[in-house]
Protein backbone atom coordinates (compact mmCIF):
# COMPACT_ATOMS: atom_id res chain seq x y z
CA MET A 1 -5.62 7.32 12.87
CA GLU A 2 -3.74 4.39 11.72
CA ILE A 3 -0.05 4.44 10.69
CA GLY A 4 1.89 2.01 8.91
CA ILE A 5 4.43 0.83 6.55
CA SER A 6 4.47 -0.49 2.83
CA THR A 7 7.31 -1.92 0.81
CA PHE A 8 7.66 -3.63 -2.83
CA VAL A 9 10.50 -5.36 -1.29
CA GLU A 10 13.13 -3.92 -3.57
CA THR A 11 16.33 -5.31 -4.73
CA THR A 12 17.99 -2.65 -6.68
CA PRO A 13 21.70 -2.26 -6.56
CA ASP A 14 23.51 -0.51 -3.60
CA VAL A 15 24.15 3.04 -4.82
CA HIS A 16 27.49 3.05 -3.05
CA THR A 17 28.81 -0.59 -3.60
CA GLY A 18 27.03 -1.71 -6.61
CA LYS A 19 25.99 -5.12 -4.66
CA VAL A 20 22.52 -6.50 -4.98
CA ILE A 21 20.96 -8.13 -2.28
CA SER A 22 19.24 -11.51 -3.02
CA HIS A 23 15.92 -12.09 -3.43
CA ALA A 24 16.13 -14.69 -0.42
CA GLN A 25 17.75 -12.15 1.92
CA ARG A 26 15.51 -9.33 1.09
CA LEU A 27 12.59 -11.29 1.68
CA ARG A 28 14.18 -12.37 5.28
CA ASN A 29 15.01 -8.61 5.88
CA VAL A 30 11.39 -7.77 5.48
CA VAL A 31 9.79 -10.32 7.80
CA GLU A 32 12.26 -8.82 10.22
CA GLU A 33 10.89 -5.35 9.42
CA ILE A 34 7.46 -6.57 9.82
CA VAL A 35 7.97 -7.62 13.50
CA LEU A 36 9.50 -4.84 14.24
CA ALA A 37 6.68 -2.32 13.03
CA ASP A 38 4.13 -4.67 15.39
CA GLU A 39 6.61 -4.26 18.17
CA VAL A 40 6.91 -0.47 17.95
CA GLY A 41 3.13 -0.21 17.71
CA LEU A 42 2.44 0.68 14.21
CA ASP A 43 -1.18 -0.58 12.66
CA VAL A 44 -0.48 -1.83 9.19
CA PHE A 45 2.14 -3.29 7.08
CA GLY A 46 1.62 -3.72 3.25
CA VAL A 47 3.62 -5.56 0.76
CA GLY A 48 3.41 -4.83 -3.02
CA GLU A 49 3.18 -7.67 -5.81
CA HIS A 50 5.80 -7.39 -8.49
CA HIS A 51 6.94 -9.68 -11.30
CA ARG A 52 10.25 -8.55 -12.12
CA GLU A 53 14.17 -8.66 -11.14
CA ASP A 54 14.16 -5.57 -8.88
CA PHE A 55 11.35 -6.43 -6.33
CA ALA A 56 11.53 -9.82 -4.27
CA ALA A 57 7.95 -10.39 -3.52
CA SER A 58 5.60 -11.77 -6.29
CA SER A 59 3.49 -12.98 -3.75
CA PRO A 60 2.71 -10.86 -0.95
CA ALA A 61 0.34 -13.20 1.02
CA VAL A 62 3.21 -15.54 1.47
CA VAL A 63 5.50 -13.01 2.84
CA LEU A 64 2.89 -11.82 5.17
CA ALA A 65 2.01 -15.18 6.40
CA ALA A 66 5.81 -15.54 7.42
CA ALA A 67 5.31 -12.69 9.55
CA ALA A 68 1.83 -13.59 10.64
CA SER A 69 2.66 -16.04 13.29
CA GLN A 70 5.68 -13.86 14.88
CA THR A 71 3.34 -10.71 15.34
CA ASN A 72 0.27 -9.95 17.62
CA ARG A 73 -1.71 -6.69 16.48
CA ILE A 74 -0.37 -5.37 13.37
CA ARG A 75 -2.54 -5.76 10.28
CA LEU A 76 -1.14 -7.42 6.94
CA THR A 77 -2.12 -6.09 3.91
CA SER A 78 -0.88 -6.53 -0.03
CA ALA A 79 -0.09 -3.19 -1.38
CA VAL A 80 -1.27 -3.87 -4.28
CA THR A 81 -2.54 -7.42 -5.31
CA VAL A 82 -2.42 -7.07 -9.07
CA LEU A 83 -6.10 -8.42 -9.66
CA SER A 84 -6.42 -8.09 -13.40
CA SER A 85 -3.79 -10.51 -14.11
CA ALA A 86 -4.60 -12.80 -11.09
CA ASP A 87 -7.15 -15.47 -10.20
CA PRO A 88 -9.64 -13.99 -7.31
CA VAL A 89 -10.11 -17.45 -6.42
CA ARG A 90 -6.79 -18.09 -5.48
CA VAL A 91 -6.21 -14.68 -4.30
CA PHE A 92 -9.52 -15.05 -1.70
CA GLN A 93 -8.04 -18.35 -0.80
CA GLU A 94 -4.12 -17.04 0.03
CA PHE A 95 -5.69 -13.97 1.95
CA ALA A 96 -8.36 -16.32 3.94
CA THR A 97 -5.28 -18.34 5.02
CA LEU A 98 -3.55 -15.48 6.03
CA ASP A 99 -6.39 -14.09 7.79
CA GLY A 100 -6.74 -17.63 9.68
CA ILE A 101 -2.87 -17.66 10.66
CA SER A 102 -3.00 -13.88 11.60
CA ASN A 103 -6.41 -14.54 13.63
CA GLY A 104 -8.01 -11.95 11.45
CA ARG A 105 -5.47 -9.30 10.71
CA ALA A 106 -5.56 -9.74 6.72
CA GLU A 107 -6.85 -7.42 4.18
CA ILE A 108 -6.55 -7.22 0.36
CA MET A 109 -5.64 -4.30 -1.52
CA ALA A 110 -6.63 -4.40 -4.78
CA GLY A 111 -5.24 -2.71 -7.70
CA ARG A 112 -4.32 -2.48 -11.41
CA GLY A 113 -0.36 -1.99 -10.23
CA SER A 114 2.01 0.30 -11.82
CA PHE A 115 3.98 -2.44 -13.79
CA ILE A 116 2.64 -4.62 -16.71
CA GLU A 117 5.11 -7.71 -16.31
CA SER A 118 2.25 -9.75 -15.19
CA PHE A 119 -0.01 -9.57 -18.01
CA PRO A 120 2.11 -11.36 -20.43
CA LEU A 121 3.36 -13.82 -17.74
CA PHE A 122 0.07 -15.02 -16.98
CA GLY A 123 -1.22 -14.81 -20.45
CA TYR A 124 -3.30 -11.60 -20.19
CA ASN A 125 -3.81 -8.89 -22.98
CA LEU A 126 -3.08 -5.38 -21.95
CA GLN A 127 -5.80 -4.41 -24.27
CA ASP A 128 -8.33 -6.00 -21.63
CA TYR A 129 -6.65 -3.90 -19.02
CA ASP A 130 -10.01 -2.31 -17.43
CA GLU A 131 -12.19 -5.20 -18.23
CA LEU A 132 -10.14 -7.19 -16.50
CA PHE A 133 -10.10 -5.61 -13.46
CA ASP A 134 -13.84 -4.79 -13.31
CA GLU A 135 -14.56 -8.47 -13.77
CA LYS A 136 -12.20 -9.92 -11.46
CA LEU A 137 -13.38 -7.65 -8.63
CA GLU A 138 -16.90 -8.55 -9.18
CA LEU A 139 -15.90 -12.27 -8.42
CA LEU A 140 -13.52 -11.50 -5.64
CA LEU A 141 -16.44 -9.77 -4.03
CA LYS A 142 -18.79 -12.33 -4.92
CA ILE A 143 -16.42 -14.93 -3.14
CA ARG A 144 -16.12 -12.62 -0.02
CA GLU A 145 -20.03 -12.60 0.36
CA SER A 146 -20.73 -16.48 -0.12
CA GLU A 147 -18.83 -19.56 0.32
CA LYS A 148 -20.82 -20.96 -2.67
CA VAL A 149 -20.43 -19.01 -6.09
CA THR A 150 -22.16 -18.95 -9.25
CA TRP A 151 -20.56 -16.86 -11.73
CA ARG A 152 -19.93 -15.92 -15.49
CA GLY A 153 -17.52 -13.71 -16.93
CA GLY A 154 -15.64 -13.13 -20.35
CA HIS A 155 -11.88 -14.05 -19.15
CA ARG A 156 -12.24 -16.75 -16.88
CA PRO A 157 -13.84 -20.30 -17.05
CA ALA A 158 -17.58 -20.11 -15.33
CA ILE A 159 -18.28 -21.43 -11.62
CA ASP A 160 -21.34 -23.10 -10.97
CA ASN A 161 -22.26 -23.41 -7.45
CA LEU A 162 -18.69 -24.18 -5.96
CA GLY A 163 -17.29 -23.56 -2.71
CA VAL A 164 -14.19 -21.35 -2.05
CA TYR A 165 -12.38 -22.28 1.03
CA PRO A 166 -10.75 -21.45 3.57
CA ARG A 167 -13.34 -18.98 4.91
CA PRO A 168 -11.70 -16.20 6.50
CA GLU A 169 -11.77 -15.50 10.47
CA GLN A 170 -13.03 -11.94 9.56
CA ASP A 171 -16.40 -11.49 8.13
CA PRO A 172 -16.00 -9.85 5.50
CA LEU A 173 -12.81 -10.22 4.57
CA PRO A 174 -11.32 -6.20 4.14
CA VAL A 175 -11.01 -5.27 0.50
CA TRP A 176 -9.55 -1.94 -0.33
CA ILE A 177 -9.26 -0.22 -3.63
CA GLY A 178 -5.93 0.78 -4.32
CA SER A 179 -5.69 4.15 -6.87
CA GLY A 180 -3.27 6.43 -8.44
CA GLY A 181 -5.62 9.12 -8.51
CA ASN A 182 -7.84 8.19 -11.39
CA MET A 183 -11.43 9.54 -10.97
CA GLN A 184 -12.99 6.73 -11.94
CA SER A 185 -11.20 4.08 -9.85
CA VAL A 186 -12.58 6.64 -6.91
CA ILE A 187 -16.08 6.82 -8.08
CA ARG A 188 -16.10 2.85 -8.15
CA ALA A 189 -14.74 2.43 -4.77
CA GLY A 190 -17.39 4.75 -3.64
CA LYS A 191 -20.13 3.01 -5.12
CA LEU A 192 -19.13 -0.24 -4.11
CA GLY A 193 -18.97 1.05 -0.40
CA LEU A 194 -14.94 -0.33 -0.51
CA PRO A 195 -12.08 1.68 1.62
CA LEU A 196 -9.88 3.62 -0.83
CA VAL A 197 -6.01 3.91 -0.76
CA LEU A 198 -4.42 6.90 -2.56
CA ALA A 199 -1.06 6.67 -3.90
CA ILE A 200 0.41 9.81 -3.35
CA ILE A 201 3.66 9.99 -4.60
CA GLY A 202 3.81 13.13 -6.81
CA GLY A 203 2.96 16.74 -7.02
CA SER A 204 0.92 18.32 -3.96
CA PRO A 205 -0.75 15.98 -1.63
CA MET A 206 -3.39 18.85 -1.12
CA GLN A 207 -4.68 18.08 -5.11
CA PHE A 208 -6.24 14.79 -3.66
CA ALA A 209 -8.85 16.30 -1.66
CA PRO A 210 -10.98 16.73 -4.14
CA LEU A 211 -10.75 13.20 -5.03
CA VAL A 212 -11.45 12.40 -1.53
CA ASP A 213 -14.79 14.47 -1.92
CA LEU A 214 -15.43 12.72 -4.99
CA TYR A 215 -15.43 9.33 -3.16
CA LYS A 216 -17.40 10.31 -0.28
CA ARG A 217 -20.10 11.81 -2.61
CA ALA A 218 -20.24 8.52 -4.63
CA ALA A 219 -20.51 6.21 -1.35
CA ALA A 220 -23.34 8.56 0.11
CA GLN A 221 -25.36 8.42 -3.16
CA ALA A 222 -24.95 4.75 -3.08
CA GLY A 223 -26.12 4.63 0.33
CA HIS A 224 -22.77 3.58 2.11
CA ASP A 225 -22.40 5.24 5.66
CA ILE A 226 -19.32 7.52 4.88
CA SER A 227 -18.34 7.47 8.52
CA LYS A 228 -17.51 3.67 8.54
CA LEU A 229 -15.26 3.91 5.25
CA PRO A 230 -11.75 4.41 6.00
CA ILE A 231 -9.37 6.35 3.52
CA ALA A 232 -5.62 5.60 3.27
CA SER A 233 -2.57 7.11 1.62
CA HIS A 234 0.50 5.80 0.84
CA SER A 235 3.89 8.07 0.16
CA HIS A 236 7.51 7.18 -0.17
CA GLY A 237 9.41 8.55 2.77
CA PHE A 238 11.86 8.20 5.51
CA VAL A 239 12.72 8.77 8.92
CA ALA A 240 16.06 9.73 10.81
CA GLU A 241 17.34 11.28 13.81
CA ASP A 242 17.59 14.74 12.03
CA THR A 243 16.14 15.78 8.89
CA GLU A 244 19.45 16.43 6.82
CA THR A 245 20.54 12.93 7.56
CA ALA A 246 17.30 11.80 6.31
CA ALA A 247 17.46 13.43 3.12
CA ASP A 248 21.09 12.59 2.42
CA LYS A 249 20.57 8.74 3.10
CA PHE A 250 17.18 8.39 1.27
CA PHE A 251 18.04 10.35 -2.00
CA PRO A 252 20.67 8.26 -3.42
CA PRO A 253 18.60 5.36 -3.58
CA THR A 254 15.41 6.95 -4.49
CA GLN A 255 16.83 8.86 -7.36
CA TYR A 256 18.30 5.30 -8.99
CA VAL A 257 14.71 3.89 -8.83
CA MET A 258 13.29 7.00 -10.33
CA ASN A 259 15.35 7.28 -13.11
CA VAL A 260 15.57 3.38 -13.98
CA ILE A 261 11.64 4.02 -14.03
CA GLY A 262 11.70 7.28 -15.80
CA ARG A 263 13.52 5.97 -18.44
CA GLU A 264 11.27 3.22 -19.06
CA ARG A 265 8.36 5.68 -18.91
CA GLY A 266 9.86 8.58 -20.76
CA TRP A 267 10.06 10.94 -17.45
CA GLY A 268 12.84 13.53 -17.08
CA HIS A 269 15.90 13.35 -15.00
CA TYR A 270 15.18 13.14 -11.35
CA ASP A 271 17.71 15.08 -9.56
CA ARG A 272 18.41 16.71 -6.06
CA SER A 273 16.44 19.79 -6.26
CA ALA A 274 13.15 17.82 -7.60
CA PHE A 275 13.89 15.90 -4.46
CA ASP A 276 14.39 18.45 -2.06
CA GLN A 277 11.06 20.25 -3.54
CA ALA A 278 9.13 17.06 -3.19
CA ARG A 279 10.22 16.81 0.73
CA SER A 280 8.90 20.63 1.34
CA PHE A 281 6.12 20.69 3.44
CA GLU A 282 3.65 20.99 0.62
CA GLY A 283 5.46 18.45 -1.32
CA ALA A 284 4.41 14.55 -1.42
CA LEU A 285 7.76 13.19 0.26
CA TYR A 286 7.69 12.26 4.11
CA VAL A 287 11.65 12.49 4.53
CA GLY A 288 13.11 14.03 7.82
CA ASP A 289 13.04 13.77 11.48
CA SER A 290 10.12 12.82 13.80
CA GLU A 291 8.71 15.98 14.24
CA THR A 292 8.96 17.25 10.23
CA VAL A 293 7.35 14.06 9.12
CA ALA A 294 4.69 13.85 11.80
CA GLN A 295 3.81 17.50 10.99
CA LYS A 296 3.54 16.52 7.36
CA ILE A 297 1.08 13.72 8.22
CA ILE A 298 -1.05 15.92 10.62
CA HIS A 299 -1.44 18.08 7.91
CA LEU A 300 -2.40 15.54 5.46
CA ARG A 301 -5.02 14.25 7.81
CA LYS A 302 -6.52 17.65 8.27
CA ASN A 303 -6.79 19.00 4.73
CA VAL A 304 -7.08 15.58 2.76
CA GLY A 305 -9.30 13.46 5.21
CA ILE A 306 -7.11 10.35 5.10
CA THR A 307 -7.87 7.95 8.34
CA ARG A 308 -4.69 6.01 7.34
CA PHE A 309 -1.40 6.84 6.49
CA MET A 310 1.28 4.33 5.00
CA LEU A 311 5.05 5.12 4.72
CA HIS A 312 6.65 3.59 1.59
CA VAL A 313 10.36 2.91 2.60
CA PRO A 314 12.63 2.07 1.03
CA VAL A 315 12.15 3.15 -2.35
CA GLY A 316 15.44 1.75 -3.53
CA SER A 317 17.78 -0.58 -1.60
CA MET A 318 18.97 0.74 1.38
CA PRO A 319 20.76 -0.97 4.48
CA HIS A 320 18.65 -2.94 6.43
CA ALA A 321 19.72 -1.18 9.69
CA ASP A 322 18.41 2.09 8.38
CA VAL A 323 15.28 0.92 7.49
CA MET A 324 14.71 -1.04 10.87
CA LYS A 325 15.63 2.60 12.48
CA ALA A 326 13.16 4.26 10.28
CA ILE A 327 10.23 2.09 11.43
CA GLU A 328 11.14 2.27 14.77
CA LEU A 329 11.07 6.03 14.57
CA LEU A 330 7.93 6.03 12.78
CA GLY A 331 6.40 3.86 15.54
CA THR A 332 7.84 5.08 18.66
CA GLU A 333 7.90 8.96 17.73
CA VAL A 334 5.87 9.88 14.67
CA ALA A 335 2.88 7.89 15.15
CA PRO A 336 2.42 9.08 19.11
CA LYS A 337 2.86 12.70 17.83
CA VAL A 338 0.25 12.12 14.81
CA ARG A 339 -2.53 10.24 16.95
CA GLU A 340 -2.13 13.11 19.88
CA GLU A 341 -2.41 16.22 17.87
CA ILE A 342 -5.65 14.35 15.91
CA ALA A 343 -7.16 13.10 18.97
CA ARG A 344 -6.78 16.70 20.13
CA TRP A 345 -8.14 18.24 16.85
CA LYS A 346 -11.12 16.16 16.82
CA GLY A 347 -11.89 16.89 20.14
CA GLU A 348 -12.19 20.43 19.52
CA GLN A 349 -14.37 20.14 16.62
CA VAL A 350 -16.98 18.00 18.44
């Protein structure tokens, strides 16, 4: 059972002071977070790609490369790479470079992304949303398979027997499919035999169990060994010394972000009652002390079947020291509890 962190490298206003951290400082902070995550024994760190003012990381591979030479074991992934508006050749080259620098610890998490700013920025039409992703995923996988590539599509100039370099340390370079719970994306990942990441950020996590079953059925029908296909989840959360402190620190910045995005998308107002409901045992927020968060992760593993859990922290800007403490607790207290219990549980099943 792998445990890790994901972040969008947020630069929202501090809810108490109104101050906004610079993109440069936030980027330096996140490198420190990755280094600490490695030191406390976490398995993976993911950085999301965004192209808007309130997030500092438009190039996850560069951020991860900054931490690669300062870390030894932790895996380094995008979370996600917005493949629909990216050039698959450059995506592969960037992460192959990261893979070399990190001595084989890079991963690509490919997805559509939850924001659309990159489409007009790079000259793409939103009407081609699905077609772009399908075509570019096909090209990315083709590049992964062979250093010389011949390919033709509808949204990018053709490639005629050209090499793509550098080649990665890992063969193949891991490519995961990120999904918000769309049935077709889950089936696609299964058919392709690619690892799956589910964004479980609302409702009951147990509702994702049928999607995991659907993914496994699609993979098995396509002839893939489902025992070798990892399944990850990504959920918002925060760990502190006690549960009420965790909730009181995490709610204000989370509320700010949820309401900003909510106004953009027509959602209802996000208040403390919605937050408290989501951090209940059956909810999608993993907020609390180490025991509380560990037990929720264990419950998710046993009932949904995920093999990697990524805690997304923070959601809105929080003091760097608080984020570092949450990472420390996740690595030194939560992860050992989860791994011990899952190992015992799996032993009983044999």
